[in-house]
Structures are given as C-alpha cells and as structure tokens.
C-alpha atoms as a PDB file:
ATOM      1  CA  PRO A   1       2.136   7.700 -30.400  1.00  0.00           C
ATOM      2  CA  VAL A   2       1.160  10.373 -27.874  1.00  0.00           C
ATOM      3  CA  GLN A   3       4.119  12.327 -26.500  1.00  0.00           C
ATOM      4  CA  VAL A   4       4.208  13.404 -22.836  1.00  0.00           C
ATOM      5  CA  ARG A   5       5.883  16.769 -22.285  1.00  0.00           C
ATOM      6  CA  ILE A   6       6.887  17.675 -18.695  1.00  0.00           C
ATOM      7  CA  PHE A   7       8.076  21.228 -18.084  1.00  0.00           C
ATOM      8  CA  GLY A   8       8.313  23.938 -15.425  1.00  0.00           C
ATOM      9  CA  GLY A   9       8.530  23.490 -11.658  1.00  0.00           C
ATOM     10  CA  PHE A  10      12.169  24.697 -11.638  1.00  0.00           C
ATOM     11  CA  GLY A  11      13.400  21.156 -12.308  1.00  0.00           C
ATOM     12  CA  ASP A  12      14.398  19.143 -15.327  1.00  0.00           C
ATOM     13  CA  GLY A  13      14.917  15.666 -16.739  1.00  0.00           C
ATOM     14  CA  ALA A  14      11.538  14.043 -16.090  1.00  0.00           C
ATOM     15  CA  THR A  15      10.250  11.888 -18.949  1.00  0.00           C
ATOM     16  CA  ALA A  16       7.196   9.675 -19.320  1.00  0.00           C
ATOM     17  CA  THR A  17       5.093   7.649 -21.746  1.00  0.00           C
ATOM     18  CA  ALA A  18       1.316   7.727 -22.115  1.00  0.00           C
ATOM     19  CA  ILE A  19      -0.957   4.748 -21.407  1.00  0.00           C
ATOM     20  CA  LEU A  20      -4.073   4.653 -23.576  1.00  0.00           C
ATOM     21  CA  GLY A  21      -7.495   3.048 -23.201  1.00  0.00           C
ATOM     22  CA  SER A  22     -11.168   3.522 -24.125  1.00  0.00           C
ATOM     23  CA  PHE A  23     -10.318   2.389 -27.636  1.00  0.00           C
ATOM     24  CA  VAL A  24     -12.485   3.202 -30.645  1.00  0.00           C
ATOM     25  CA  ARG A  25     -12.122   1.612 -34.058  1.00  0.00           C
ATOM     26  CA  ASN A  26     -11.374   4.189 -36.737  1.00  0.00           C
ATOM     27  CA  THR A  27     -13.999   5.097 -39.313  1.00  0.00           C
ATOM     28  CA  PRO A  28     -12.447   4.990 -42.813  1.00  0.00           C
ATOM     29  CA  GLY A  29     -12.817   7.836 -45.261  1.00  0.00           C
ATOM     30  CA  LEU A  30     -12.230  10.828 -42.968  1.00  0.00           C
ATOM     31  CA  ASN A  31      -8.841  11.985 -44.297  1.00  0.00           C
ATOM     32  CA  GLU A  32      -5.483  10.511 -45.291  1.00  0.00           C
ATOM     33  CA  ALA A  33      -3.822  11.006 -41.895  1.00  0.00           C
ATOM     34  CA  VAL A  34      -6.665   9.407 -39.937  1.00  0.00           C
ATOM     35  CA  ASN A  35      -7.041   6.554 -42.430  1.00  0.00           C
ATOM     36  CA  ALA A  36      -3.505   5.411 -41.529  1.00  0.00           C
ATOM     37  CA  VAL A  37      -4.629   4.744 -37.938  1.00  0.00           C
ATOM     38  CA  SER A  38      -6.617   1.576 -37.156  1.00  0.00           C
ATOM     39  CA  GLN A  39      -7.973   2.812 -33.820  1.00  0.00           C
ATOM     40  CA  THR A  40      -7.876   5.750 -31.448  1.00  0.00           C
ATOM     41  CA  GLY A  41      -8.067   6.061 -27.692  1.00  0.00           C
ATOM     42  CA  SER A  42      -7.982   8.271 -24.616  1.00  0.00           C
ATOM     43  CA  VAL A  43      -5.120   8.877 -22.180  1.00  0.00           C
ATOM     44  CA  LEU A  44      -5.762   6.847 -19.000  1.00  0.00           C
ATOM     45  CA  GLY A  45      -2.396   7.198 -17.324  1.00  0.00           C
ATOM     46  CA  VAL A  46       1.283   7.959 -17.569  1.00  0.00           C
ATOM     47  CA  ARG A  47       4.317   5.776 -16.859  1.00  0.00           C
ATOM     48  CA  ILE A  48       7.301   7.699 -15.469  1.00  0.00           C
ATOM     49  CA  THR A  49      10.476   6.630 -17.278  1.00  0.00           C
ATOM     50  CA  ASN A  50      12.747   9.192 -15.576  1.00  0.00           C
ATOM     51  CA  PRO A  51      11.722  11.057 -12.389  1.00  0.00           C
ATOM     52  CA  GLY A  52      13.991  14.007 -13.139  1.00  0.00           C
ATOM     53  CA  GLN A  53      15.519  16.205 -10.464  1.00  0.00           C
ATOM     54  CA  ASN A  54      15.386  19.503  -8.560  1.00  0.00           C
ATOM     55  CA  TYR A  55      11.643  20.101  -8.935  1.00  0.00           C
ATOM     56  CA  ARG A  56      10.457  22.669  -6.379  1.00  0.00           C
ATOM     57  CA  TYR A  57       6.845  22.544  -7.543  1.00  0.00           C
ATOM     58  CA  PRO A  58       4.870  19.954  -9.514  1.00  0.00           C
ATOM     59  CA  PRO A  59       5.701  20.572 -13.183  1.00  0.00           C
ATOM     60  CA  PHE A  60       3.158  21.080 -15.936  1.00  0.00           C
ATOM     61  CA  VAL A  61       2.156  18.135 -18.120  1.00  0.00           C
ATOM     62  CA  GLU A  62       1.195  18.362 -21.781  1.00  0.00           C
ATOM     63  CA  PHE A  63       0.052  15.567 -24.113  1.00  0.00           C
ATOM     64  CA  VAL A  64       1.172  16.133 -27.692  1.00  0.00           C
ATOM     65  CA  ASP A  65      -0.183  14.309 -30.725  1.00  0.00           C
ATOM     66  CA  ASN A  66       2.095  15.002 -33.689  1.00  0.00           C
ATOM     67  CA  CYS A  67      -0.649  13.748 -36.012  1.00  0.00           C
ATOM     68  CA  GLY A  68      -2.876  16.585 -34.828  1.00  0.00           C
ATOM     69  CA  GLN A  69      -5.996  14.496 -34.203  1.00  0.00           C
ATOM     70  CA  GLY A  70      -5.992  13.755 -30.462  1.00  0.00           C
ATOM     71  CA  TYR A  71      -7.158  16.429 -28.035  1.00  0.00           C
ATOM     72  CA  GLY A  72      -8.405  17.180 -24.535  1.00  0.00           C
ATOM     73  CA  ALA A  73      -6.104  15.123 -22.262  1.00  0.00           C
ATOM     74  CA  ILE A  74      -4.992  16.898 -19.069  1.00  0.00           C
ATOM     75  CA  GLY A  75      -2.587  15.540 -16.449  1.00  0.00           C
ATOM     76  CA  ARG A  76      -1.253  16.674 -13.065  1.00  0.00           C
ATOM     77  CA  ALA A  77       2.162  15.721 -11.700  1.00  0.00           C
ATOM     78  CA  THR A  78       3.125  14.856  -8.132  1.00  0.00           C
ATOM     79  CA  ILE A  79       6.629  15.211  -6.664  1.00  0.00           C
ATOM     80  CA  ASN A  80       8.452  13.973  -3.559  1.00  0.00           C
ATOM     81  CA  ASP A  81      10.730  15.721  -1.051  1.00  0.00           C
ATOM     82  CA  GLN A  82      13.745  14.877  -3.214  1.00  0.00           C
ATOM     83  CA  GLY A  83      12.404  16.959  -6.095  1.00  0.00           C
ATOM     84  CA  GLN A  84      11.499  14.001  -8.310  1.00  0.00           C
ATOM     85  CA  VAL A  85       8.287  13.371 -10.226  1.00  0.00           C
ATOM     86  CA  THR A  86       6.586  10.418  -8.531  1.00  0.00           C
ATOM     87  CA  GLY A  87       3.487  10.142 -10.673  1.00  0.00           C
ATOM     88  CA  ILE A  88       1.029  11.809 -13.014  1.00  0.00           C
ATOM     89  CA  TYR A  89      -2.718  11.431 -12.621  1.00  0.00           C
ATOM     90  CA  VAL A  90      -5.106  12.169 -15.442  1.00  0.00           C
ATOM     91  CA  VAL A  91      -7.757  14.844 -14.880  1.00  0.00           C
ATOM     92  CA  SER A  92      -9.276  14.613 -18.355  1.00  0.00           C
ATOM     93  CA  THR A  93      -8.687  11.627 -20.676  1.00  0.00           C
ATOM     94  CA  GLY A  94      -9.290  13.437 -23.950  1.00  0.00           C
ATOM     95  CA  GLU A  95     -10.040  11.445 -27.087  1.00  0.00           C
ATOM     96  CA  ASN A  96      -9.030  10.510 -30.637  1.00  0.00           C
ATOM     97  CA  TYR A  97      -5.335   9.852 -29.900  1.00  0.00           C
ATOM     98  CA  PRO A  98      -3.635   7.409 -32.322  1.00  0.00           C
ATOM     99  CA  VAL A  99      -3.091   3.904 -30.919  1.00  0.00           C
ATOM    100  CA  THR A 100      -0.191   1.616 -31.814  1.00  0.00           C
ATOM    101  CA  GLU A 101      -0.851  -2.054 -32.588  1.00  0.00           C
ATOM    102  CA  GLU A 102       0.577  -3.236 -29.253  1.00  0.00           C
ATOM    103  CA  THR A 103      -0.786  -1.314 -26.263  1.00  0.00           C
ATOM    104  CA  PRO A 104      -0.040  -2.132 -22.586  1.00  0.00           C
ATOM    105  CA  VAL A 105      -2.965  -3.082 -20.365  1.00  0.00           C
ATOM    106  CA  ALA A 106      -3.805  -0.238 -17.974  1.00  0.00           C
ATOM    107  CA  ALA A 107      -4.328  -0.719 -14.223  1.00  0.00           C
ATOM    108  CA  VAL A 108      -4.146   1.374 -11.057  1.00  0.00           C
ATOM    109  CA  SER A 109      -0.569   1.487  -9.781  1.00  0.00           C
ATOM    110  CA  SER A 110      -0.898   3.932  -6.869  1.00  0.00           C
ATOM    111  CA  VAL A 111      -3.081   6.634  -5.364  1.00  0.00           C
ATOM    112  CA  THR A 112      -2.492  10.306  -4.629  1.00  0.00           C
ATOM    113  CA  VAL A 113      -4.378  12.409  -2.079  1.00  0.00           C
ATOM    114  CA  ASP A 114      -5.878  15.363  -3.953  1.00  0.00           C
ATOM    115  CA  SER A 115      -7.802  16.692  -0.939  1.00  0.00           C
ATOM    116  CA  ALA A 116      -7.173  15.453   2.631  1.00  0.00           C
ATOM    117  CA  GLY A 117     -10.598  16.307   4.033  1.00  0.00           C
ATOM    118  CA  SER A 118     -11.298  15.721   7.740  1.00  0.00           C
ATOM    119  CA  GLY A 119     -13.114  13.398  10.110  1.00  0.00           C
ATOM    120  CA  TYR A 120     -12.112  10.133   8.421  1.00  0.00           C
ATOM    121  CA  LYS A 121     -11.173   6.864  10.108  1.00  0.00           C
ATOM    122  CA  SER A 122      -8.592   4.354   8.924  1.00  0.00           C
ATOM    123  CA  THR A 123     -11.367   1.743   8.891  1.00  0.00           C
ATOM    124  CA  ASP A 124     -13.492   3.644   6.349  1.00  0.00           C
ATOM    125  CA  LYS A 125     -14.228   1.699   3.177  1.00  0.00           C
ATOM    126  CA  VAL A 126     -12.645   2.909  -0.056  1.00  0.00           C
ATOM    127  CA  SER A 127     -13.264   1.379  -3.483  1.00  0.00           C
ATOM    128  CA  ASP A 128     -13.645   2.265  -7.152  1.00  0.00           C
ATOM    129  CA  ASN A 129     -16.083   1.356  -9.908  1.00  0.00           C
ATOM    130  CA  PHE A 130     -13.779  -1.397 -11.239  1.00  0.00           C
ATOM    131  CA  GLY A 131     -13.743  -3.312  -7.949  1.00  0.00           C
ATOM    132  CA  ASN A 132     -10.381  -2.180  -6.590  1.00  0.00           C
ATOM    133  CA  GLN A 133     -10.176  -1.783  -2.811  1.00  0.00           C
ATOM    134  CA  TYR A 134      -8.021   0.807  -1.034  1.00  0.00           C
ATOM    135  CA  SER A 135      -6.803   1.603   2.460  1.00  0.00           C
ATOM    136  CA  ILE A 136      -6.347   5.079   3.915  1.00  0.00           C
ATOM    137  CA  LYS A 137      -4.027   6.477   6.557  1.00  0.00           C
ATOM    138  CA  VAL A 138      -5.303   9.428   8.586  1.00  0.00           C
ATOM    139  CA  ASP A 139      -3.808  11.903  11.050  1.00  0.00           C
ATOM    140  CA  GLY A 140      -5.190  13.076  14.410  1.00  0.00           C
ATOM    141  CA  ASN A 141      -7.777  15.290  12.726  1.00  0.00           C
ATOM    142  CA  GLY A 142      -8.997  12.497  10.499  1.00  0.00           C
ATOM    143  CA  SER A 143      -7.387  14.041   7.413  1.00  0.00           C
ATOM    144  CA  ILE A 144      -6.196  11.553   4.807  1.00  0.00           C
ATOM    145  CA  ILE A 145      -2.406  11.606   4.559  1.00  0.00           C
ATOM    146  CA  ASP A 146      -1.881   8.486   2.448  1.00  0.00           C
ATOM    147  CA  SER A 147      -3.739   5.785   0.531  1.00  0.00           C
ATOM    148  CA  SER A 148      -2.732   2.512  -1.066  1.00  0.00           C
ATOM    149  CA  LEU A 149      -4.204  -0.290  -3.152  1.00  0.00           C
ATOM    150  CA  LEU A 150      -5.204  -3.401  -1.194  1.00  0.00           C
ATOM    151  CA  ASN A 151      -5.827  -5.897  -3.989  1.00  0.00           C
ATOM    152  CA  ILE A 152      -3.971  -6.905  -7.135  1.00  0.00           C
ATOM    153  CA  SER A 153      -5.045  -4.180  -9.510  1.00  0.00           C
ATOM    154  CA  VAL A 154      -7.552  -5.244 -12.156  1.00  0.00           C
ATOM    155  CA  PRO A 155      -7.306  -4.146 -15.824  1.00  0.00           C
ATOM    156  CA  ILE A 156      -9.234  -0.955 -16.557  1.00  0.00           C
ATOM    157  CA  ASN A 157     -10.488   0.792 -19.682  1.00  0.00           C
ATOM    158  CA  ASP A 158     -11.320   4.182 -18.171  1.00  0.00           C
ATOM    159  CA  ILE A 159     -10.242   6.392 -15.269  1.00  0.00           C
ATOM    160  CA  PRO A 160     -11.482   4.769 -12.026  1.00  0.00           C
ATOM    161  CA  ARG A 161     -13.759   6.810  -9.763  1.00  0.00           C
ATOM    162  CA  ILE A 162     -12.648   6.297  -6.156  1.00  0.00           C
ATOM    163  CA  LYS A 163     -15.402   6.503  -3.509  1.00  0.00           C
ATOM    164  CA  ILE A 164     -14.785   6.920   0.212  1.00  0.00           C
ATOM    165  CA  THR A 165     -17.619   5.540   2.337  1.00  0.00           C
ATOM    166  CA  SER A 166     -17.552   7.253   5.743  1.00  0.00           C
ATOM    167  CA  ASP A 167     -20.087   8.236   8.422  1.00  0.00           C
ATOM    168  CA  THR A 168     -17.911  11.057   9.742  1.00  0.00           C
ATOM    169  CA  GLY A 169     -15.459  12.088   7.026  1.00  0.00           C
ATOM    170  CA  ILE A 170     -15.949  14.905   4.548  1.00  0.00           C
ATOM    171  CA  GLY A 171     -14.012  16.572   1.741  1.00  0.00           C
ATOM    172  CA  GLY A 172     -11.502  13.821   0.953  1.00  0.00           C
ATOM    173  CA  ILE A 173     -10.610  13.264  -2.691  1.00  0.00           C
ATOM    174  CA  LEU A 174      -8.353  10.461  -3.934  1.00  0.00           C
ATOM    175  CA  LYS A 175      -7.005  10.292  -7.484  1.00  0.00           C
ATOM    176  CA  PRO A 176      -5.759   7.047  -9.086  1.00  0.00           C
ATOM    177  CA  ILE A 177      -2.397   6.972 -10.820  1.00  0.00           C
ATOM    178  CA  VAL A 178      -2.684   4.537 -13.704  1.00  0.00           C
ATOM    179  CA  GLY A 179       0.203   2.275 -14.637  1.00  0.00           C
ATOM    180  CA  ILE A 180       0.768  -0.904 -16.626  1.00  0.00           C
ATOM    181  CA  SER A 181      -0.627  -4.292 -15.635  1.00  0.00           C
ATOM    182  CA  SER A 182       1.167  -7.530 -16.461  1.00  0.00           C
ATOM    183  CA  THR A 183      -1.465 -10.128 -17.328  1.00  0.00           C
ATOM    184  CA  SER A 184       1.134 -12.915 -17.232  1.00  0.00           C
ATOM    185  CA  ASP A 185       1.855 -12.747 -13.483  1.00  0.00           C
ATOM    186  CA  GLN A 186      -1.166 -10.635 -12.457  1.00  0.00           C
ATOM    187  CA  LYS A 187       0.802  -7.859 -10.837  1.00  0.00           C
ATOM    188  CA  LEU A 188       2.077  -4.468 -11.888  1.00  0.00           C
ATOM    189  CA  THR A 189       5.495  -4.223 -13.450  1.00  0.00           C
ATOM    190  CA  ALA A 190       7.768  -1.348 -14.316  1.00  0.00           C
ATOM    191  CA  GLY A 191       8.274  -2.614 -17.845  1.00  0.00           C
ATOM    192  CA  ILE A 192       6.511  -1.429 -20.956  1.00  0.00           C
ATOM    193  CA  THR A 193       5.443  -3.299 -24.059  1.00  0.00           C
ATOM    194  CA  SER A 194       7.772  -2.590 -26.960  1.00  0.00           C
ATOM    195  CA  VAL A 195       6.328  -0.687 -29.880  1.00  0.00           C
ATOM    196  CA  THR A 196       6.309  -2.701 -33.065  1.00  0.00           C
ATOM    197  CA  SER A 197       4.521  -0.251 -35.335  1.00  0.00           C
ATOM    198  CA  VAL A 198       5.088   3.333 -36.382  1.00  0.00           C
ATOM    199  CA  ILE A 199       2.328   5.803 -37.162  1.00  0.00           C
ATOM    200  CA  ASP A 200       3.172   8.089 -40.069  1.00  0.00           C
ATOM    201  CA  CYS A 201       1.502  11.499 -40.077  1.00  0.00           C
ATOM    202  CA  ILE A 202       0.634  12.226 -43.701  1.00  0.00           C
ATOM    203  CA  THR A 203       0.429  15.874 -44.664  1.00  0.00           C
END
C-alpha cells in the first residue's frame, strides 16, 4: 500500500496512512508487478495515526509507492499551536497507486482555511460538489478564520471542490481534509479498516 512520509518542520514523530479512491480496474498484461494488483487508485486523503511533536512549521508530505507504479500525489500538512500535525489535505491526487482488497470509504472529516479572503459573512452559503454543507466563522474584516462541516459527511470518490457563495466576499479558499467514513453508523470514526491482503512487488 501507499506509504505516507512526513518530514521536516523541525519536529518529529508524525505518522499517517493514505486513503485511496477513484479506483480503476487493472488491465492485465502490462508487466509482472502490475499484474499482481487487481485495481489502482488515487490518493484522496490521509488519516493521521500519530500527530508527532515540536513542529515549528508544517512538515513536508511525500507519498511513496514501493511498487514504483503510482505517481503524482501531493499533500500539504497543517499544524496546531502545540506543534502537532492536525491534518493533511491533498493538492493533487495522483494516479495508479496499488489498492488493497479492503479499502476504507473516504469522506470529508474537516476543513482547513487555505486563504482567508475578506468581506465574507457568517451567513454565506458554502457547499461542495458532493452535497456537503459547511459553515464559516469570520473576523471583523470578514476574513474566514474557521470552517466546519454541517452535515454527516457523505462518501466521496474524488477530492471535493468547496464553493463559497457570497455577494461581498472575495479571495477565500477552503480545502477539505479527507478521512474515513463508517457506513455502519453513518458518522466518521477514528478507526481504520484492517488490511487483509499484501501486495508483493515483483522485480
């Protein structure tokens, strides 16, 4: 499976696992390594398994495929005042990453403010292309200082595009942080589906 490498930022200890989506069935006959994989996918999100410590700046994030077939995924980390990694949002999903037989269902778990903008109101409508609804919190200048999910997050198969509908606001950009959705109780959980298969990289 895809490995998530977190480094830099003057901290240490943060670990995470990748959440895949946009699955594509494999085409047989390409080469021995690819033939061992039934399907491939793109990186939709990252689940933090250890927030680490002492980060002064957001660390770098790298997605590593030891089979050498997945490429293009790019992530950005966010940290809190305690120097811990609070989330990783995906800038580019990449493609062709090996998928295990059991894959967690992806859903939006939280939102990060990438650009605060100005002139917004707390009553402005915010939604994404999957039907999720969001609220925003603004300061005295109408800059967005926080955002949160209003509904129970729906399953997704691609990175949601969040749109802010405002008559006065400009420049605000919100990025979804994708987590794992539990279809049994219809709410997000911190757990992760256990891996029951191993992908061997044949050389």
